[in-house]
Amino acid sequence: MSSDFRRRVLAAVRRIPAGRVATYGDIAALAGRPRAWRAVGNIMRECDDRVTPCHRVVGASGALGGYGSSPLLKQALLHAEGITIGNGRIRRFRDVRWPQREVRGAGL
């Protein structure tokens, strides 16, 4: 995966507001490669940049997915931002997903 794509992915992730989440696919689309959701997951797994809120990137169904070596830390960080989690999934996923569907379809 190119370093340019990685840069675009990290820039897109930095735009996710606190208290909101985006899917790996949402971030891939925002970075210009809508089908590269798996590559986004790899970038998130390796992300050690403290200014990039990688914990806000989740699976398409609202499943938390991994977070480096500590999925419990991901859950705690999301909870601290007001996101409710049950059974490893985000509750009211549609309400906290960013960007909203209308914006995602606009090709941001």
C-alpha atoms as a PDB file:
ATOM      1  CA  MET A   1       0.000   0.000   0.000  1.00  0.00           C
ATOM      2  CA  SER A   2       1.381   3.375  -0.959  1.00  0.00           C
ATOM      3  CA  SER A   3       2.469   5.907   1.613  1.00  0.00           C
ATOM      4  CA  ASP A   4       0.207   8.420  -0.158  1.00  0.00           C
ATOM      5  CA  PHE A   5      -2.826   6.209   0.519  1.00  0.00           C
ATOM      6  CA  ARG A   6      -1.725   5.803   4.145  1.00  0.00           C
ATOM      7  CA  ARG A   7      -1.420   9.584   4.471  1.00  0.00           C
ATOM      8  CA  ARG A   8      -4.930  10.066   3.033  1.00  0.00           C
ATOM      9  CA  VAL A   9      -6.346   7.394   5.362  1.00  0.00           C
ATOM     10  CA  LEU A  10      -4.833   8.999   8.450  1.00  0.00           C
ATOM     11  CA  ALA A  11      -6.043  12.445   7.335  1.00  0.00           C
ATOM     12  CA  ALA A  12      -9.588  11.080   6.916  1.00  0.00           C
ATOM     13  CA  VAL A  13      -9.490   9.432  10.351  1.00  0.00           C
ATOM     14  CA  ARG A  14      -8.393  12.715  11.955  1.00  0.00           C
ATOM     15  CA  ARG A  15     -11.612  14.301  10.642  1.00  0.00           C
ATOM     16  CA  ILE A  16     -13.880  11.945  12.624  1.00  0.00           C
ATOM     17  CA  PRO A  17     -15.376  14.029  15.444  1.00  0.00           C
ATOM     18  CA  ALA A  18     -15.247  12.848  19.047  1.00  0.00           C
ATOM     19  CA  GLY A  19     -18.311  10.779  19.872  1.00  0.00           C
ATOM     20  CA  ARG A  20     -18.656   9.549  16.292  1.00  0.00           C
ATOM     21  CA  VAL A  21     -17.277   6.552  14.375  1.00  0.00           C
ATOM     22  CA  ALA A  22     -16.610   5.652  10.750  1.00  0.00           C
ATOM     23  CA  THR A  23     -16.253   2.242   9.163  1.00  0.00           C
ATOM     24  CA  TYR A  24     -13.127   0.903   7.508  1.00  0.00           C
ATOM     25  CA  GLY A  25     -15.040   1.194   4.214  1.00  0.00           C
ATOM     26  CA  ASP A  26     -16.061   4.800   4.896  1.00  0.00           C
ATOM     27  CA  ILE A  27     -12.432   5.729   5.460  1.00  0.00           C
ATOM     28  CA  ALA A  28     -11.299   3.819   2.366  1.00  0.00           C
ATOM     29  CA  ALA A  29     -13.845   5.763   0.286  1.00  0.00           C
ATOM     30  CA  LEU A  30     -12.817   9.094   1.787  1.00  0.00           C
ATOM     31  CA  ALA A  31      -9.187   8.227   1.001  1.00  0.00           C
ATOM     32  CA  GLY A  32     -10.092   7.585  -2.640  1.00  0.00           C
ATOM     33  CA  ARG A  33     -10.085   3.761  -2.708  1.00  0.00           C
ATOM     34  CA  PRO A  34     -13.570   2.562  -1.695  1.00  0.00           C
ATOM     35  CA  ARG A  35     -12.735  -1.132  -1.960  1.00  0.00           C
ATOM     36  CA  ALA A  36      -9.570  -0.912   0.145  1.00  0.00           C
ATOM     37  CA  TRP A  37     -11.287  -1.391   3.520  1.00  0.00           C
ATOM     38  CA  ARG A  38      -8.926  -4.243   4.426  1.00  0.00           C
ATOM     39  CA  ALA A  39      -5.913  -2.008   3.785  1.00  0.00           C
ATOM     40  CA  VAL A  40      -7.487   0.603   6.074  1.00  0.00           C
ATOM     41  CA  GLY A  41      -7.759  -2.083   8.763  1.00  0.00           C
ATOM     42  CA  ASN A  42      -4.063  -2.854   8.377  1.00  0.00           C
ATOM     43  CA  ILE A  43      -3.171   0.825   8.636  1.00  0.00           C
ATOM     44  CA  MET A  44      -5.326   1.165  11.766  1.00  0.00           C
ATOM     45  CA  ARG A  45      -3.700  -1.910  13.330  1.00  0.00           C
ATOM     46  CA  GLU A  46      -0.236  -0.395  12.817  1.00  0.00           C
ATOM     47  CA  CYS A  47      -1.194   3.163  13.766  1.00  0.00           C
ATOM     48  CA  ASP A  48       0.792   4.471  16.717  1.00  0.00           C
ATOM     49  CA  ASP A  49       0.196   8.151  15.993  1.00  0.00           C
ATOM     50  CA  ARG A  50      -1.309   9.712  19.128  1.00  0.00           C
ATOM     51  CA  VAL A  51      -3.081  12.510  17.229  1.00  0.00           C
ATOM     52  CA  THR A  52      -4.980  10.083  14.996  1.00  0.00           C
ATOM     53  CA  PRO A  53      -8.117   8.700  16.695  1.00  0.00           C
ATOM     54  CA  CYS A  54      -7.825   5.192  15.236  1.00  0.00           C
ATOM     55  CA  HIS A  55     -10.213   3.909  17.912  1.00  0.00           C
ATOM     56  CA  ARG A  56     -13.055   5.656  16.034  1.00  0.00           C
ATOM     57  CA  VAL A  57     -12.788   3.301  13.040  1.00  0.00           C
ATOM     58  CA  VAL A  58     -15.022   0.227  13.314  1.00  0.00           C
ATOM     59  CA  GLY A  59     -16.500  -2.598  11.266  1.00  0.00           C
ATOM     60  CA  ALA A  60     -19.398  -2.069   8.852  1.00  0.00           C
ATOM     61  CA  SER A  61     -21.908  -3.651  11.238  1.00  0.00           C
ATOM     62  CA  GLY A  62     -20.781  -1.538  14.173  1.00  0.00           C
ATOM     63  CA  ALA A  63     -18.518  -4.289  15.495  1.00  0.00           C
ATOM     64  CA  LEU A  64     -15.525  -2.850  17.294  1.00  0.00           C
ATOM     65  CA  GLY A  65     -12.862  -4.896  15.569  1.00  0.00           C
ATOM     66  CA  GLY A  66      -9.346  -4.834  16.913  1.00  0.00           C
ATOM     67  CA  TYR A  67      -7.233  -2.016  18.218  1.00  0.00           C
ATOM     68  CA  GLY A  68      -3.610  -2.978  18.088  1.00  0.00           C
ATOM     69  CA  SER A  69      -3.003  -5.118  21.115  1.00  0.00           C
ATOM     70  CA  SER A  70      -5.872  -3.818  23.255  1.00  0.00           C
ATOM     71  CA  PRO A  71      -9.499  -4.081  22.071  1.00  0.00           C
ATOM     72  CA  LEU A  72     -10.561  -3.233  25.640  1.00  0.00           C
ATOM     73  CA  LEU A  73      -8.722   0.082  25.350  1.00  0.00           C
ATOM     74  CA  LYS A  74     -10.652   0.822  22.136  1.00  0.00           C
ATOM     75  CA  GLN A  75     -13.900   0.121  23.968  1.00  0.00           C
ATOM     76  CA  ALA A  76     -12.870   2.332  26.898  1.00  0.00           C
ATOM     77  CA  LEU A  77     -11.868   5.224  24.610  1.00  0.00           C
ATOM     78  CA  LEU A  78     -15.175   5.058  22.729  1.00  0.00           C
ATOM     79  CA  HIS A  79     -17.118   4.828  25.993  1.00  0.00           C
ATOM     80  CA  ALA A  80     -15.269   7.919  27.286  1.00  0.00           C
ATOM     81  CA  GLU A  81     -16.555   9.774  24.199  1.00  0.00           C
ATOM     82  CA  GLY A  82     -20.148   8.819  25.043  1.00  0.00           C
ATOM     83  CA  ILE A  83     -20.531   5.866  22.684  1.00  0.00           C
ATOM     84  CA  THR A  84     -22.501   2.958  24.135  1.00  0.00           C
ATOM     85  CA  ILE A  85     -21.264  -0.551  23.409  1.00  0.00           C
ATOM     86  CA  GLY A  86     -22.984  -3.877  23.990  1.00  0.00           C
ATOM     87  CA  ASN A  87     -21.826  -7.359  23.006  1.00  0.00           C
ATOM     88  CA  GLY A  88     -18.844  -5.965  21.111  1.00  0.00           C
ATOM     89  CA  ARG A  89     -20.997  -3.688  18.935  1.00  0.00           C
ATOM     90  CA  ILE A  90     -21.843  -0.021  18.985  1.00  0.00           C
ATOM     91  CA  ARG A  91     -25.407   0.632  20.049  1.00  0.00           C
ATOM     92  CA  ARG A  92     -27.346   3.139  17.951  1.00  0.00           C
ATOM     93  CA  PHE A  93     -24.645   2.725  15.318  1.00  0.00           C
ATOM     94  CA  ARG A  94     -26.522   4.738  12.680  1.00  0.00           C
ATOM     95  CA  ASP A  95     -26.783   7.692  15.030  1.00  0.00           C
ATOM     96  CA  VAL A  96     -23.050   7.904  15.732  1.00  0.00           C
ATOM     97  CA  ARG A  97     -21.739   6.921  12.314  1.00  0.00           C
ATOM     98  CA  TRP A  98     -19.799   9.638  10.492  1.00  0.00           C
ATOM     99  CA  PRO A  99     -20.193  10.980   7.931  1.00  0.00           C
ATOM    100  CA  GLN A 100     -23.935  10.572   7.670  1.00  0.00           C
ATOM    101  CA  ARG A 101     -25.216   8.520   4.718  1.00  0.00           C
ATOM    102  CA  GLU A 102     -26.117  11.579   2.603  1.00  0.00           C
ATOM    103  CA  VAL A 103     -22.568  12.882   2.916  1.00  0.00           C
ATOM    104  CA  ARG A 104     -20.968   9.469   2.295  1.00  0.00           C
ATOM    105  CA  GLY A 105     -22.904   9.200  -0.972  1.00  0.00           C
ATOM    106  CA  ALA A 106     -21.695  12.634  -2.073  1.00  0.00           C
ATOM    107  CA  GLY A 107     -18.141  11.373  -2.643  1.00  0.00           C
ATOM    108  CA  LEU A 108     -16.362  13.286   0.073  1.00  0.00           C
END
